[in-house]
PDB file of N, CA and C in Angstrom:
ATOM      1  N   UNK A   1      95.981 151.505 100.559  1.00  0.00           N
ATOM      2  CA  UNK A   1      94.732 152.580 100.734  1.00  0.00           C
ATOM      3  C   UNK A   1      93.430 151.812 100.552  1.00  0.00           C
ATOM      4  N   UNK A   2      92.122 152.326 101.633  1.00  0.00           N
ATOM      5  CA  UNK A   2      91.229 151.829 101.225  1.00  0.00           C
ATOM      6  C   UNK A   2      90.360 152.528 100.069  1.00  0.00           C
ATOM      7  N   UNK A   3      89.402 151.343  99.951  1.00  0.00           N
ATOM      8  CA  UNK A   3      88.696 152.165  98.404  1.00  0.00           C
ATOM      9  C   UNK A   3      87.747 153.483  98.489  1.00  0.00           C
ATOM     10  N   UNK A   4      87.723 153.590 100.002  1.00  0.00           N
ATOM     11  CA  UNK A   4      86.808 154.693 100.834  1.00  0.00           C
ATOM     12  C   UNK A   4      87.765 155.859 100.257  1.00  0.00           C
ATOM     13  N   UNK A   5      89.037 156.237 100.542  1.00  0.00           N
ATOM     14  CA  UNK A   5      90.087 156.767 100.066  1.00  0.00           C
ATOM     15  C   UNK A   5      90.510 157.373  99.115  1.00  0.00           C
ATOM     16  N   UNK A   6      90.007 156.500  98.049  1.00  0.00           N
ATOM     17  CA  UNK A   6      90.296 156.566  96.590  1.00  0.00           C
ATOM     18  C   UNK A   6      89.299 157.272  96.413  1.00  0.00           C
ATOM     19  N   UNK A   7      88.175 156.831  96.567  1.00  0.00           N
ATOM     20  CA  UNK A   7      86.946 157.272  95.830  1.00  0.00           C
ATOM     21  C   UNK A   7      86.994 158.823  96.265  1.00  0.00           C
ATOM     22  N   UNK A   8      87.524 159.332  97.688  1.00  0.00           N
ATOM     23  CA  UNK A   8      87.690 160.701  98.251  1.00  0.00           C
ATOM     24  C   UNK A   8      88.563 161.528  97.369  1.00  0.00           C
ATOM     25  N   UNK A   9      89.973 160.703  97.084  1.00  0.00           N
ATOM     26  CA  UNK A   9      90.908 161.520  96.214  1.00  0.00           C
ATOM     27  C   UNK A   9      90.444 161.642  94.719  1.00  0.00           C
ATOM     28  N   UNK A  10      89.424 160.760  94.047  1.00  0.00           N
ATOM     29  CA  UNK A  10      88.941 160.968  92.742  1.00  0.00           C
ATOM     30  C   UNK A  10      88.031 162.373  93.171  1.00  0.00           C
ATOM     31  N   UNK A  11      87.314 162.109  93.892  1.00  0.00           N
ATOM     32  CA  UNK A  11      86.008 163.297  94.159  1.00  0.00           C
ATOM     33  C   UNK A  11      86.619 164.787  94.299  1.00  0.00           C
ATOM     34  N   UNK A  12      87.904 165.017  94.671  1.00  0.00           N
ATOM     35  CA  UNK A  12      88.612 165.963  95.031  1.00  0.00           C
ATOM     36  C   UNK A  12      89.151 166.410  93.236  1.00  0.00           C
ATOM     37  N   UNK A  13      89.682 165.339  92.954  1.00  0.00           N
ATOM     38  CA  UNK A  13      90.366 165.930  91.458  1.00  0.00           C
ATOM     39  C   UNK A  13      89.086 166.063  90.473  1.00  0.00           C
ATOM     40  N   UNK A  14      87.993 165.423  90.990  1.00  0.00           N
ATOM     41  CA  UNK A  14      86.815 165.839  89.529  1.00  0.00           C
ATOM     42  C   UNK A  14      85.944 167.030  90.209  1.00  0.00           C
ATOM     43  N   UNK A  15      85.974 167.838  91.566  1.00  0.00           N
ATOM     44  CA  UNK A  15      85.808 168.874  91.842  1.00  0.00           C
ATOM     45  C   UNK A  15      86.796 169.895  91.718  1.00  0.00           C
ATOM     46  N   UNK A  16      87.843 170.139  91.525  1.00  0.00           N
ATOM     47  CA  UNK A  16      89.167 170.931  90.971  1.00  0.00           C
ATOM     48  C   UNK A  16      88.765 171.281  89.572  1.00  0.00           C
ATOM     49  N   UNK A  17      88.857 169.922  88.804  1.00  0.00           N
ATOM     50  CA  UNK A  17      88.224 170.250  87.381  1.00  0.00           C
ATOM     51  C   UNK A  17      87.392 170.828  87.129  1.00  0.00           C
ATOM     52  N   UNK A  18      86.258 170.452  87.870  1.00  0.00           N
ATOM     53  CA  UNK A  18      85.085 171.053  87.561  1.00  0.00           C
ATOM     54  C   UNK A  18      84.883 172.567  87.690  1.00  0.00           C
ATOM     55  N   UNK A  19      85.684 173.181  89.030  1.00  0.00           N
ATOM     56  CA  UNK A  19      85.779 174.517  89.200  1.00  0.00           C
ATOM     57  C   UNK A  19      86.686 175.310  88.310  1.00  0.00           C
ATOM     58  N   UNK A  20      87.903 174.270  87.499  1.00  0.00           N
ATOM     59  CA  UNK A  20      88.467 175.466  86.750  1.00  0.00           C
ATOM     60  C   UNK A  20      87.652 175.754  85.430  1.00  0.00           C
ATOM     61  N   UNK A  21      86.744 174.631  84.896  1.00  0.00           N
ATOM     62  CA  UNK A  21      85.993 174.237  83.675  1.00  0.00           C
ATOM     63  C   UNK A  21      85.068 175.439  84.006  1.00  0.00           C
ATOM     64  N   UNK A  22      84.615 175.524  85.037  1.00  0.00           N
ATOM     65  CA  UNK A  22      83.453 176.560  84.959  1.00  0.00           C
ATOM     66  C   UNK A  22      84.049 178.049  85.451  1.00  0.00           C
ATOM     67  N   UNK A  23      85.510 178.123  85.961  1.00  0.00           N
ATOM     68  CA  UNK A  23      85.873 179.611  86.070  1.00  0.00           C
ATOM     69  C   UNK A  23      86.226 179.886  84.290  1.00  0.00           C
ATOM     70  N   UNK A  24      86.505 179.036  83.634  1.00  0.00           N
ATOM     71  CA  UNK A  24      87.173 179.306  82.083  1.00  0.00           C
ATOM     72  C   UNK A  24      86.099 179.727  81.115  1.00  0.00           C
ATOM     73  N   UNK A  25      84.736 179.481  81.475  1.00  0.00           N
ATOM     74  CA  UNK A  25      83.785 179.687  81.107  1.00  0.00           C
ATOM     75  C   UNK A  25      82.965 180.835  80.954  1.00  0.00           C
ATOM     76  N   UNK A  26      82.821 181.886  80.261  1.00  0.00           N
ATOM     77  CA  UNK A  26      82.272 183.120  80.485  1.00  0.00           C
ATOM     78  C   UNK A  26      80.433 183.018  79.892  1.00  0.00           C
ATOM     79  N   UNK A  27      79.647 183.194  80.212  1.00  0.00           N
ATOM     80  CA  UNK A  27      78.267 183.027  79.536  1.00  0.00           C
ATOM     81  C   UNK A  27      77.979 183.928  78.692  1.00  0.00           C
ATOM     82  N   UNK A  28      78.842 185.062  78.710  1.00  0.00           N
ATOM     83  CA  UNK A  28      78.399 186.415  77.737  1.00  0.00           C
ATOM     84  C   UNK A  28      79.499 185.658  76.529  1.00  0.00           C
ATOM     85  N   UNK A  29      80.077 184.887  76.294  1.00  0.00           N
ATOM     86  CA  UNK A  29      81.097 184.695  75.494  1.00  0.00           C
ATOM     87  C   UNK A  29      82.337 185.373  75.754  1.00  0.00           C
ATOM     88  N   UNK A  30      82.319 185.617  76.760  1.00  0.00           N
ATOM     89  CA  UNK A  30      84.397 186.401  76.893  1.00  0.00           C
ATOM     90  C   UNK A  30      84.972 185.556  77.549  1.00  0.00           C
ATOM     91  N   UNK A  31      84.624 184.328  77.566  1.00  0.00           N
ATOM     92  CA  UNK A  31      85.861 183.624  78.658  1.00  0.00           C
ATOM     93  C   UNK A  31      87.139 183.014  77.647  1.00  0.00           C
ATOM     94  N   UNK A  32      87.231 181.597  78.275  1.00  0.00           N
ATOM     95  CA  UNK A  32      88.431 181.392  76.959  1.00  0.00           C
ATOM     96  C   UNK A  32      87.829 180.912  75.511  1.00  0.00           C
ATOM     97  N   UNK A  33      86.336 180.625  75.509  1.00  0.00           N
ATOM     98  CA  UNK A  33      86.320 180.814  74.118  1.00  0.00           C
ATOM     99  C   UNK A  33      86.155 181.896  72.884  1.00  0.00           C
ATOM    100  N   UNK A  34      86.178 182.852  73.771  1.00  0.00           N
ATOM    101  CA  UNK A  34      86.398 183.515  72.607  1.00  0.00           C
ATOM    102  C   UNK A  34      87.850 184.113  71.847  1.00  0.00           C
ATOM    103  N   UNK A  35      88.940 183.685  72.559  1.00  0.00           N
ATOM    104  CA  UNK A  35      89.974 183.961  72.494  1.00  0.00           C
ATOM    105  C   UNK A  35      90.662 182.956  71.638  1.00  0.00           C
ATOM    106  N   UNK A  36      89.995 181.833  71.159  1.00  0.00           N
ATOM    107  CA  UNK A  36      90.277 181.017  70.023  1.00  0.00           C
ATOM    108  C   UNK A  36      89.418 181.252  68.850  1.00  0.00           C
ATOM    109  N   UNK A  37      90.624 181.240  67.620  1.00  0.00           N
ATOM    110  CA  UNK A  37      90.077 181.378  66.403  1.00  0.00           C
ATOM    111  C   UNK A  37      89.198 182.670  66.198  1.00  0.00           C
ATOM    112  N   UNK A  38      87.729 183.015  66.414  1.00  0.00           N
ATOM    113  CA  UNK A  38      87.350 184.253  66.353  1.00  0.00           C
ATOM    114  C   UNK A  38      86.382 184.162  64.939  1.00  0.00           C
ATOM    115  N   UNK A  39      86.742 183.059  64.061  1.00  0.00           N
ATOM    116  CA  UNK A  39      85.842 183.245  62.643  1.00  0.00           C
ATOM    117  C   UNK A  39      84.754 182.538  62.952  1.00  0.00           C
ATOM    118  N   UNK A  40      84.243 182.231  63.871  1.00  0.00           N
ATOM    119  CA  UNK A  40      82.933 181.695  63.526  1.00  0.00           C
ATOM    120  C   UNK A  40      82.547 179.961  63.498  1.00  0.00           C
ATOM    121  N   UNK A  41      81.753 179.741  64.019  1.00  0.00           N
ATOM    122  CA  UNK A  41      81.158 178.232  63.866  1.00  0.00           C
ATOM    123  C   UNK A  41      82.328 177.430  63.013  1.00  0.00           C
ATOM    124  N   UNK A  42      82.400 178.079  62.092  1.00  0.00           N
ATOM    125  CA  UNK A  42      82.820 177.280  60.823  1.00  0.00           C
ATOM    126  C   UNK A  42      84.630 176.984  60.952  1.00  0.00           C
ATOM    127  N   UNK A  43      85.079 177.497  61.648  1.00  0.00           N
ATOM    128  CA  UNK A  43      86.828 177.603  61.747  1.00  0.00           C
ATOM    129  C   UNK A  43      86.880 176.499  62.829  1.00  0.00           C
ATOM    130  N   UNK A  44      87.780 175.967  62.428  1.00  0.00           N
ATOM    131  CA  UNK A  44      88.372 175.073  63.346  1.00  0.00           C
ATOM    132  C   UNK A  44      89.209 175.348  64.605  1.00  0.00           C
ATOM    133  N   UNK A  45      88.422 174.956  65.821  1.00  0.00           N
ATOM    134  CA  UNK A  45      88.867 175.559  67.268  1.00  0.00           C
ATOM    135  C   UNK A  45      87.698 176.578  67.584  1.00  0.00           C
ATOM    136  N   UNK A  46      86.853 177.178  66.633  1.00  0.00           N
ATOM    137  CA  UNK A  46      86.488 178.206  66.914  1.00  0.00           C
ATOM    138  C   UNK A  46      85.646 178.581  68.051  1.00  0.00           C
ATOM    139  N   UNK A  47      84.926 179.397  68.399  1.00  0.00           N
ATOM    140  CA  UNK A  47      84.122 180.066  69.202  1.00  0.00           C
ATOM    141  C   UNK A  47      83.149 178.864  70.172  1.00  0.00           C
ATOM    142  N   UNK A  48      82.110 178.367  68.476  1.00  0.00           N
ATOM    143  CA  UNK A  48      81.310 177.498  68.877  1.00  0.00           C
ATOM    144  C   UNK A  48      82.097 175.892  69.608  1.00  0.00           C
ATOM    145  N   UNK A  49      82.844 175.365  68.271  1.00  0.00           N
ATOM    146  CA  UNK A  49      84.039 173.977  69.055  1.00  0.00           C
ATOM    147  C   UNK A  49      84.074 174.344  70.689  1.00  0.00           C
ATOM    148  N   UNK A  50      84.429 175.560  70.924  1.00  0.00           N
ATOM    149  CA  UNK A  50      85.149 175.428  72.369  1.00  0.00           C
ATOM    150  C   UNK A  50      84.180 175.684  73.311  1.00  0.00           C
ATOM    151  N   UNK A  51      82.902 176.143  72.940  1.00  0.00           N
ATOM    152  CA  UNK A  51      81.931 176.054  73.942  1.00  0.00           C
ATOM    153  C   UNK A  51      81.220 174.672  74.050  1.00  0.00           C
ATOM    154  N   UNK A  52      81.035 174.243  72.923  1.00  0.00           N
ATOM    155  CA  UNK A  52      80.400 172.829  72.950  1.00  0.00           C
ATOM    156  C   UNK A  52      81.298 171.987  73.781  1.00  0.00           C
ATOM    157  N   UNK A  53      82.847 172.040  73.933  1.00  0.00           N
ATOM    158  CA  UNK A  53      83.535 171.309  74.324  1.00  0.00           C
ATOM    159  C   UNK A  53      83.322 171.502  76.113  1.00  0.00           C
ATOM    160  N   UNK A  54      83.552 172.896  76.365  1.00  0.00           N
ATOM    161  CA  UNK A  54      83.095 173.367  77.660  1.00  0.00           C
ATOM    162  C   UNK A  54      81.751 172.400  78.542  1.00  0.00           C
ATOM    163  N   UNK A  55      80.917 172.639  77.464  1.00  0.00           N
ATOM    164  CA  UNK A  55      80.017 172.716  78.034  1.00  0.00           C
ATOM    165  C   UNK A  55      79.680 171.050  78.143  1.00  0.00           C
ATOM    166  N   UNK A  56      79.993 170.512  77.451  1.00  0.00           N
ATOM    167  CA  UNK A  56      80.209 168.626  77.605  1.00  0.00           C
ATOM    168  C   UNK A  56      80.821 168.393  78.624  1.00  0.00           C
ATOM    169  N   UNK A  57      82.542 168.850  78.737  1.00  0.00           N
ATOM    170  CA  UNK A  57      83.302 168.411  80.035  1.00  0.00           C
ATOM    171  C   UNK A  57      82.330 168.967  81.257  1.00  0.00           C
ATOM    172  N   UNK A  58      81.550 170.494  81.324  1.00  0.00           N
ATOM    173  CA  UNK A  58      81.065 170.550  82.498  1.00  0.00           C
ATOM    174  C   UNK A  58      79.955 169.284  83.160  1.00  0.00           C
ATOM    175  N   UNK A  59      79.154 169.042  82.343  1.00  0.00           N
ATOM    176  CA  UNK A  59      78.274 168.155  82.223  1.00  0.00           C
ATOM    177  C   UNK A  59      79.069 166.684  82.495  1.00  0.00           C
ATOM    178  N   UNK A  60      80.102 166.295  81.974  1.00  0.00           N
ATOM    179  CA  UNK A  60      80.582 165.036  82.106  1.00  0.00           C
ATOM    180  C   UNK A  60      81.268 165.018  83.640  1.00  0.00           C
ATOM    181  N   UNK A  61      81.602 165.918  84.027  1.00  0.00           N
ATOM    182  CA  UNK A  61      82.320 166.363  85.390  1.00  0.00           C
ATOM    183  C   UNK A  61      81.562 166.318  86.273  1.00  0.00           C
ATOM    184  N   UNK A  62      79.760 166.771  86.327  1.00  0.00           N
ATOM    185  CA  UNK A  62      79.266 166.958  87.267  1.00  0.00           C
ATOM    186  C   UNK A  62      78.217 165.445  87.613  1.00  0.00           C
ATOM    187  N   UNK A  63      78.368 165.065  86.259  1.00  0.00           N
ATOM    188  CA  UNK A  63      77.526 163.681  86.529  1.00  0.00           C
ATOM    189  C   UNK A  63      78.757 162.737  87.163  1.00  0.00           C
ATOM    190  N   UNK A  64      80.351 162.691  86.715  1.00  0.00           N
ATOM    191  CA  UNK A  64      80.890 161.733  87.522  1.00  0.00           C
ATOM    192  C   UNK A  64      81.075 161.967  88.871  1.00  0.00           C
ATOM    193  N   UNK A  65      81.331 163.376  89.390  1.00  0.00           N
ATOM    194  CA  UNK A  65      80.947 163.822  90.732  1.00  0.00           C
ATOM    195  C   UNK A  65      79.917 163.075  91.434  1.00  0.00           C
ATOM    196  N   UNK A  66      78.570 163.468  91.250  1.00  0.00           N
ATOM    197  CA  UNK A  66      77.477 162.729  91.532  1.00  0.00           C
ATOM    198  C   UNK A  66      77.412 161.190  91.773  1.00  0.00           C
ATOM    199  N   UNK A  67      78.127 160.403  90.274  1.00  0.00           N
ATOM    200  CA  UNK A  67      78.107 159.126  90.873  1.00  0.00           C
ATOM    201  C   UNK A  67      78.950 158.716  92.059  1.00  0.00           C
ATOM    202  N   UNK A  68      80.169 159.574  91.706  1.00  0.00           N
ATOM    203  CA  UNK A  68      81.507 159.156  93.041  1.00  0.00           C
ATOM    204  C   UNK A  68      80.628 159.537  94.308  1.00  0.00           C
ATOM    205  N   UNK A  69      80.078 160.436  94.532  1.00  0.00           N
ATOM    206  CA  UNK A  69      79.440 160.685  95.769  1.00  0.00           C
ATOM    207  C   UNK A  69      78.490 159.633  96.405  1.00  0.00           C
ATOM    208  N   UNK A  70      77.762 158.760  95.606  1.00  0.00           N
ATOM    209  CA  UNK A  70      77.241 158.108  95.630  1.00  0.00           C
ATOM    210  C   UNK A  70      77.574 156.424  95.737  1.00  0.00           C
ATOM    211  N   UNK A  71      78.767 156.604  95.176  1.00  0.00           N
ATOM    212  CA  UNK A  71      79.454 155.504  95.712  1.00  0.00           C
ATOM    213  C   UNK A  71      80.339 155.717  96.761  1.00  0.00           C
ATOM    214  N   UNK A  72      80.559 156.665  96.866  1.00  0.00           N
ATOM    215  CA  UNK A  72      81.316 156.965  98.778  1.00  0.00           C
ATOM    216  C   UNK A  72      80.294 156.350  99.575  1.00  0.00           C
ATOM    217  N   UNK A  73      79.439 156.875  99.454  1.00  0.00           N
ATOM    218  CA  UNK A  73      78.046 156.073 100.465  1.00  0.00           C
ATOM    219  C   UNK A  73      78.580 154.809 100.950  1.00  0.00           C
ATOM    220  N   UNK A  74      78.906 154.093  99.347  1.00  0.00           N
ATOM    221  CA  UNK A  74      78.268 152.560  99.873  1.00  0.00           C
ATOM    222  C   UNK A  74      80.122 151.799 100.156  1.00  0.00           C
ATOM    223  N   UNK A  75      81.258 152.714 100.011  1.00  0.00           N
ATOM    224  CA  UNK A  75      82.682 152.368 100.569  1.00  0.00           C
ATOM    225  C   UNK A  75      82.766 153.024 102.027  1.00  0.00           C
ATOM    226  N   UNK A  76      81.862 153.581 102.349  1.00  0.00           N
ATOM    227  CA  UNK A  76      82.270 153.904 103.987  1.00  0.00           C
ATOM    228  C   UNK A  76      82.137 153.178 104.650  1.00  0.00           C
ATOM    229  N   UNK A  77      83.400 153.089 105.520  1.00  0.00           N
ATOM    230  CA  UNK A  77      83.590 151.797 106.304  1.00  0.00           C
ATOM    231  C   UNK A  77      83.036 151.939 107.472  1.00  0.00           C
ATOM    232  N   UNK A  78      82.146 150.881 107.708  1.00  0.00           N
ATOM    233  CA  UNK A  78      81.384 151.204 109.011  1.00  0.00           C
ATOM    234  C   UNK A  78      81.666 150.099 110.164  1.00  0.00           C
ATOM    235  N   UNK A  79      81.588 150.058 111.262  1.00  0.00           N
ATOM    236  CA  UNK A  79      81.692 149.411 112.198  1.00  0.00           C
ATOM    237  C   UNK A  79      81.219 148.134 112.457  1.00  0.00           C
ATOM    238  N   UNK A  80      81.354 146.728 112.696  1.00  0.00           N
ATOM    239  CA  UNK A  80      80.802 145.675 112.450  1.00  0.00           C
ATOM    240  C   UNK A  80      80.331 145.326 114.221  1.00  0.00           C
ATOM    241  N   UNK A  81      79.376 144.456 114.163  1.00  0.00           N
ATOM    242  CA  UNK A  81      78.861 144.266 115.815  1.00  0.00           C
ATOM    243  C   UNK A  81      80.152 143.602 116.454  1.00  0.00           C
ATOM    244  N   UNK A  82      80.793 142.890 115.783  1.00  0.00           N
ATOM    245  CA  UNK A  82      81.753 142.353 116.431  1.00  0.00           C
ATOM    246  C   UNK A  82      83.113 143.036 116.412  1.00  0.00           C
ATOM    247  N   UNK A  83      83.045 143.990 117.255  1.00  0.00           N
ATOM    248  CA  UNK A  83      84.130 144.996 117.440  1.00  0.00           C
ATOM    249  C   UNK A  83      85.061 144.200 118.600  1.00  0.00           C
ATOM    250  N   UNK A  84      86.542 143.713 118.024  1.00  0.00           N
ATOM    251  CA  UNK A  84      87.551 143.140 118.797  1.00  0.00           C
ATOM    252  C   UNK A  84      88.199 143.998 119.886  1.00  0.00           C
ATOM    253  N   UNK A  85      88.026 145.380 119.663  1.00  0.00           N
ATOM    254  CA  UNK A  85      88.699 146.359 120.707  1.00  0.00           C
ATOM    255  C   UNK A  85      87.723 146.518 121.717  1.00  0.00           C
ATOM    256  N   UNK A  86      86.514 146.148 121.655  1.00  0.00           N
ATOM    257  CA  UNK A  86      85.430 146.223 122.763  1.00  0.00           C
ATOM    258  C   UNK A  86      85.471 145.049 123.460  1.00  0.00           C
ATOM    259  N   UNK A  87      85.601 143.834 122.594  1.00  0.00           N
ATOM    260  CA  UNK A  87      85.520 142.701 123.406  1.00  0.00           C
ATOM    261  C   UNK A  87      86.762 142.688 124.395  1.00  0.00           C
ATOM    262  N   UNK A  88      87.993 143.202 123.942  1.00  0.00           N
ATOM    263  CA  UNK A  88      88.784 142.908 124.567  1.00  0.00           C
ATOM    264  C   UNK A  88      89.334 143.643 125.368  1.00  0.00           C
ATOM    265  N   UNK A  89      88.849 144.820 125.586  1.00  0.00           N
ATOM    266  CA  UNK A  89      88.647 145.930 126.681  1.00  0.00           C
ATOM    267  C   UNK A  89      87.548 145.460 128.094  1.00  0.00           C
ATOM    268  N   UNK A  90      86.434 144.601 127.326  1.00  0.00           N
ATOM    269  CA  UNK A  90      85.771 143.999 128.845  1.00  0.00           C
ATOM    270  C   UNK A  90      86.120 142.701 128.884  1.00  0.00           C
ATOM    271  N   UNK A  91      87.046 142.478 128.595  1.00  0.00           N
ATOM    272  CA  UNK A  91      87.803 140.800 128.769  1.00  0.00           C
ATOM    273  C   UNK A  91      88.378 140.793 130.153  1.00  0.00           C
ATOM    274  N   UNK A  92      88.642 141.666 130.792  1.00  0.00           N
ATOM    275  CA  UNK A  92      89.410 141.566 132.198  1.00  0.00           C
ATOM    276  C   UNK A  92      88.443 141.905 132.903  1.00  0.00           C
ATOM    277  N   UNK A  93      87.194 142.661 132.669  1.00  0.00           N
ATOM    278  CA  UNK A  93      86.874 143.233 133.847  1.00  0.00           C
ATOM    279  C   UNK A  93      85.998 142.485 134.977  1.00  0.00           C
ATOM    280  N   UNK A  94      85.927 142.664 135.919  1.00  0.00           N
ATOM    281  CA  UNK A  94      85.129 141.651 136.730  1.00  0.00           C
ATOM    282  C   UNK A  94      84.284 142.378 137.132  1.00  0.00           C
ATOM    283  N   UNK A  95      83.096 141.351 137.161  1.00  0.00           N
ATOM    284  CA  UNK A  95      81.485 141.806 137.391  1.00  0.00           C
ATOM    285  C   UNK A  95      81.201 141.334 138.822  1.00  0.00           C
ATOM    286  N   UNK A  96      80.689 142.256 139.679  1.00  0.00           N
ATOM    287  CA  UNK A  96      80.377 142.374 140.815  1.00  0.00           C
ATOM    288  C   UNK A  96      78.738 142.612 141.116  1.00  0.00           C
ATOM    289  N   UNK A  97      78.318 141.736 141.564  1.00  0.00           N
ATOM    290  CA  UNK A  97      76.492 141.874 142.137  1.00  0.00           C
ATOM    291  C   UNK A  97      76.612 142.814 143.229  1.00  0.00           C
ATOM    292  N   UNK A  98      75.955 144.039 142.857  1.00  0.00           N
ATOM    293  CA  UNK A  98      75.791 144.677 144.250  1.00  0.00           C
ATOM    294  C   UNK A  98      75.078 143.809 145.575  1.00  0.00           C
ATOM    295  N   UNK A  99      75.605 144.223 146.706  1.00  0.00           N
ATOM    296  CA  UNK A  99      74.219 143.419 147.735  1.00  0.00           C
ATOM    297  C   UNK A  99      73.649 144.189 148.461  1.00  0.00           C
ATOM    298  N   UNK A 100      72.462 143.397 148.111  1.00  0.00           N
ATOM    299  CA  UNK A 100      71.227 144.460 148.479  1.00  0.00           C
ATOM    300  C   UNK A 100      70.910 144.303 149.877  1.00  0.00           C
ATOM    301  N   UNK A 101      71.005 145.321 151.185  1.00  0.00           N
ATOM    302  CA  UNK A 101      70.800 144.727 152.250  1.00  0.00           C
ATOM    303  C   UNK A 101      69.475 145.417 153.065  1.00  0.00           C
ATOM    304  N   UNK A 102      68.835 144.693 153.174  1.00  0.00           N
ATOM    305  CA  UNK A 102      67.427 144.981 153.735  1.00  0.00           C
ATOM    306  C   UNK A 102      67.326 145.811 155.376  1.00  0.00           C
ATOM    307  N   UNK A 103      66.730 146.804 155.651  1.00  0.00           N
ATOM    308  CA  UNK A 103      67.155 147.665 156.768  1.00  0.00           C
ATOM    309  C   UNK A 103      65.988 146.871 157.752  1.00  0.00           C
ATOM    310  N   UNK A 104      66.922 146.688 158.642  1.00  0.00           N
ATOM    311  CA  UNK A 104      65.853 145.744 159.807  1.00  0.00           C
ATOM    312  C   UNK A 104      64.953 146.925 159.990  1.00  0.00           C
ATOM    313  N   UNK A 105      63.946 146.180 160.459  1.00  0.00           N
ATOM    314  CA  UNK A 105      62.534 147.254 160.654  1.00  0.00           C
ATOM    315  C   UNK A 105      62.211 146.704 162.391  1.00  0.00           C
ATOM    316  N   UNK A 106      61.817 147.606 162.471  1.00  0.00           N
ATOM    317  CA  UNK A 106      61.757 147.273 164.076  1.00  0.00           C
ATOM    318  C   UNK A 106      59.576 147.724 164.083  1.00  0.00           C
ATOM    319  N   UNK A 107      59.583 146.921 165.357  1.00  0.00           N
ATOM    320  CA  UNK A 107      57.790 146.935 165.759  1.00  0.00           C
ATOM    321  C   UNK A 107      57.669 147.801 167.070  1.00  0.00           C
ATOM    322  N   UNK A 108      58.208 148.988 167.266  1.00  0.00           N
ATOM    323  CA  UNK A 108      58.335 149.566 168.593  1.00  0.00           C
ATOM    324  C   UNK A 108      57.407 150.590 168.196  1.00  0.00           C
ATOM    325  N   UNK A 109      56.477 150.405 169.365  1.00  0.00           N
ATOM    326  CA  UNK A 109      55.222 151.301 169.189  1.00  0.00           C
ATOM    327  C   UNK A 109      55.156 152.009 170.438  1.00  0.00           C
ATOM    328  N   UNK A 110      55.098 153.364 170.330  1.00  0.00           N
ATOM    329  CA  UNK A 110      55.032 153.850 171.422  1.00  0.00           C
ATOM    330  C   UNK A 110      53.952 154.492 171.953  1.00  0.00           C
TER     331      UNK A 110
END
C-alpha cells in the first residue's frame, strides 16, 4: 500500500470519529454528558468532565483531520516526466514526413 492510501484511510477513520463525537454532543447539555452522573462538576465522570472530554476530543480530531489533509497533498502520486508507458508506445511509431508538392504554374495568358 502506498503512503497516500494509508493517509486516506486515516482521514476516513478520523472523519467517522469526528462525526460520532459531534453527534454525541448536545449544545444544550442534553447529550451524552447529561446521562453521566448528574451530580455536577464535583462528581467523578459528571457533566463537566464529559463536556471537557468531548470538547477536547472534537478539537483534537479536527486538528488531526486538517493535518492529515495537508499531508495527503504532499503524498499524492504525481506523474514524472519520464513516463515509461509513453516511451514504449512511441517507440515503434514510424515517422513520415509529408511530401510537399508544388503545383505547376502556367504562364498561359489569353
